[in-house]
């Protein structure tokens, strides 16, 4: 779910012409603390268009699904291209470029050392299918379902799937 939301927001931010360097705003005079205002993009959208910022979530999802269909039309092999390179499943992780161990978040947000691990293909495939479901994509093909395209108001693209 986090990956889906971050991807939608990134595509949306790019389509709004906002710079990755500064957005999300890390400091704001209108908010206390170092977080800034995570709703600033929506406020700008509403100020300029007069439309509710709540539309932005759907717009981000539409953009991401359109990108997926464009990639498929342009010859990307889906779902094969959603897998990382083969060495991730066969070669153990070593230190990073600075010689440090591969620390990653683990259970309870505690750091764990992943040095020496390999990616489990079965677990990755299960995770990928779960991701497809969260996106409203077919679990096997990785393409948006007709239902998803209808929900997003993209009915005119249903024929492109055939």
Protein backbone atom coordinates (compact mmCIF):
# COMPACT_ATOMS: atom_id res chain seq x y z
CA UNK A 1 0.00 0.00 0.00
CA UNK A 2 2.85 2.38 0.84
CA UNK A 3 4.50 1.75 -2.54
CA UNK A 4 1.21 2.39 -4.37
CA UNK A 5 0.56 5.63 -2.50
CA UNK A 6 4.12 6.93 -2.95
CA UNK A 7 4.10 6.06 -6.66
CA UNK A 8 0.74 7.80 -7.20
CA UNK A 9 1.90 10.90 -5.35
CA UNK A 10 5.22 11.00 -7.24
CA UNK A 11 3.52 10.78 -10.64
CA UNK A 12 0.97 13.37 -9.56
CA UNK A 13 3.64 15.76 -8.28
CA UNK A 14 5.53 15.43 -11.55
CA UNK A 15 2.37 16.12 -13.57
CA UNK A 16 1.72 19.25 -11.51
CA UNK A 17 5.18 20.52 -12.42
CA UNK A 18 6.44 20.47 -8.84
CA UNK A 19 10.13 19.94 -8.18
CA UNK A 20 11.29 16.74 -6.47
CA UNK A 21 14.01 18.71 -4.72
CA UNK A 22 11.61 20.76 -2.62
CA UNK A 23 8.35 18.77 -2.54
CA UNK A 24 7.09 17.71 -0.20
CA UNK A 25 7.94 21.00 1.48
CA UNK A 26 10.26 20.25 4.39
CA UNK A 27 9.64 23.54 6.16
CA UNK A 28 6.58 25.73 6.31
CA UNK A 29 5.73 28.86 8.25
CA UNK A 30 2.13 27.61 8.52
CA UNK A 31 3.02 24.37 10.31
CA UNK A 32 5.00 23.67 13.46
CA UNK A 33 8.06 21.45 13.24
CA UNK A 34 10.32 20.22 10.46
CA UNK A 35 7.67 18.27 8.53
CA UNK A 36 6.20 21.10 6.51
CA UNK A 37 2.73 20.96 5.01
CA UNK A 38 1.94 17.63 3.28
CA UNK A 39 -1.30 19.16 1.95
CA UNK A 40 0.42 22.05 0.18
CA UNK A 41 0.12 20.50 -3.29
CA UNK A 42 -3.63 20.09 -2.77
CA UNK A 43 -3.98 23.64 -1.52
CA UNK A 44 -2.15 24.95 -4.59
CA UNK A 45 -4.35 22.82 -6.86
CA UNK A 46 -7.53 24.10 -5.22
CA UNK A 47 -6.34 27.71 -5.29
CA UNK A 48 -5.57 27.52 -9.01
CA UNK A 49 -8.49 25.39 -10.24
CA UNK A 50 -11.18 25.95 -7.62
CA UNK A 51 -11.65 22.18 -7.52
CA UNK A 52 -11.31 20.03 -4.37
CA UNK A 53 -7.89 18.64 -3.54
CA UNK A 54 -9.51 15.26 -2.87
CA UNK A 55 -9.52 14.72 -6.67
CA UNK A 56 -5.73 14.50 -6.70
CA UNK A 57 -5.60 10.97 -5.32
CA UNK A 58 -7.69 9.68 -8.24
CA UNK A 59 -5.63 11.73 -10.70
CA UNK A 60 -2.41 10.15 -9.43
CA UNK A 61 -3.93 6.70 -9.82
CA UNK A 62 -5.11 7.51 -13.36
CA UNK A 63 -1.68 8.76 -14.36
CA UNK A 64 0.04 5.64 -12.99
CA UNK A 65 -2.40 3.32 -14.78
CA UNK A 66 -2.01 5.26 -18.03
CA UNK A 67 1.77 4.90 -17.72
CA UNK A 68 1.33 1.16 -17.21
CA UNK A 69 -0.74 0.85 -20.38
CA UNK A 70 1.76 2.94 -22.35
CA UNK A 71 4.62 0.72 -21.19
CA UNK A 72 2.67 -2.37 -22.25
CA UNK A 73 1.82 -0.85 -25.65
CA UNK A 74 5.48 0.09 -26.17
CA UNK A 75 6.58 -3.52 -25.71
CA UNK A 76 7.44 -3.89 -22.04
CA UNK A 77 7.00 -7.50 -21.03
CA UNK A 78 4.54 -7.47 -18.18
CA UNK A 79 4.80 -9.04 -15.63
CA UNK A 80 8.33 -10.22 -16.51
CA UNK A 81 9.72 -6.68 -16.44
CA UNK A 82 8.35 -6.18 -12.91
CA UNK A 83 10.96 -8.59 -11.57
CA UNK A 84 14.39 -7.33 -10.56
CA UNK A 85 17.46 -8.65 -12.41
CA UNK A 86 18.10 -12.37 -11.91
CA UNK A 87 21.20 -11.86 -9.74
CA UNK A 88 18.95 -10.60 -6.93
CA UNK A 89 17.59 -14.14 -6.59
CA UNK A 90 20.97 -15.90 -6.77
CA UNK A 91 23.76 -13.67 -5.43
CA UNK A 92 23.94 -12.82 -1.73
CA UNK A 93 23.92 -9.18 -0.65
CA UNK A 94 27.32 -7.85 0.30
CA UNK A 95 28.33 -4.58 1.87
CA UNK A 96 27.22 -1.33 0.34
CA UNK A 97 29.65 0.87 -1.61
CA UNK A 98 30.96 2.32 1.66
CA UNK A 99 31.77 -1.09 3.14
CA UNK A 100 28.91 -0.94 5.65
CA UNK A 101 26.62 -3.87 6.33
CA UNK A 102 23.23 -3.95 4.60
CA UNK A 103 21.00 -2.66 7.40
CA UNK A 104 17.28 -2.62 6.69
CA UNK A 105 14.12 -2.07 8.71
CA UNK A 106 12.93 -5.28 10.34
CA UNK A 107 10.14 -6.32 12.69
CA UNK A 108 9.11 -3.54 15.05
CA UNK A 109 11.10 -1.05 12.94
CA UNK A 110 14.32 -2.46 14.39
CA UNK A 111 17.33 -2.56 12.05
CA UNK A 112 18.37 -5.98 10.79
CA UNK A 113 21.47 -7.01 8.89
CA UNK A 114 20.53 -8.39 5.45
CA UNK A 115 24.13 -9.05 4.40
CA UNK A 116 24.34 -12.49 2.79
CA UNK A 117 20.62 -12.72 2.00
CA UNK A 118 19.16 -13.42 -1.42
CA UNK A 119 15.72 -12.41 -2.61
CA UNK A 120 13.23 -15.26 -2.27
CA UNK A 121 11.52 -15.63 -5.65
CA UNK A 122 8.38 -17.23 -4.18
CA UNK A 123 7.93 -14.45 -1.61
CA UNK A 124 8.65 -11.79 -4.22
CA UNK A 125 6.05 -13.27 -6.60
CA UNK A 126 3.47 -13.38 -3.80
CA UNK A 127 4.24 -9.76 -2.90
CA UNK A 128 4.01 -8.70 -6.55
CA UNK A 129 0.59 -10.34 -6.91
CA UNK A 130 -0.59 -8.61 -3.73
CA UNK A 131 0.66 -5.32 -5.19
CA UNK A 132 -1.26 -6.01 -8.42
CA UNK A 133 -4.43 -6.57 -6.37
CA UNK A 134 -3.92 -3.30 -4.48
CA UNK A 135 -3.54 -1.53 -7.83
CA UNK A 136 -6.65 -3.17 -9.26
CA UNK A 137 -4.59 -5.07 -11.82
CA UNK A 138 -4.97 -8.66 -12.94
CA UNK A 139 -2.90 -10.91 -10.63
CA UNK A 140 -1.42 -12.85 -13.54
CA UNK A 141 -0.96 -10.28 -16.31
CA UNK A 142 -0.18 -7.19 -14.22
CA UNK A 143 -2.47 -5.06 -16.38
CA UNK A 144 -5.33 -2.85 -15.14
CA UNK A 145 -8.64 -4.69 -15.04
CA UNK A 146 -11.72 -3.40 -16.86
CA UNK A 147 -13.26 -2.69 -13.46
CA UNK A 148 -10.28 -0.52 -12.46
CA UNK A 149 -10.39 1.43 -15.71
CA UNK A 150 -14.12 2.04 -15.26
CA UNK A 151 -13.63 3.13 -11.64
CA UNK A 152 -11.01 5.65 -12.78
CA UNK A 153 -13.16 7.00 -15.62
CA UNK A 154 -10.86 5.48 -18.24
CA UNK A 155 -13.44 3.32 -20.02
CA UNK A 156 -12.15 4.44 -23.42
CA UNK A 157 -8.96 2.44 -22.76
CA UNK A 158 -10.67 -0.91 -22.11
CA UNK A 159 -10.35 -1.84 -25.78
CA UNK A 160 -6.59 -1.26 -25.61
CA UNK A 161 -6.25 -4.33 -23.38
CA UNK A 162 -7.40 -6.76 -26.09
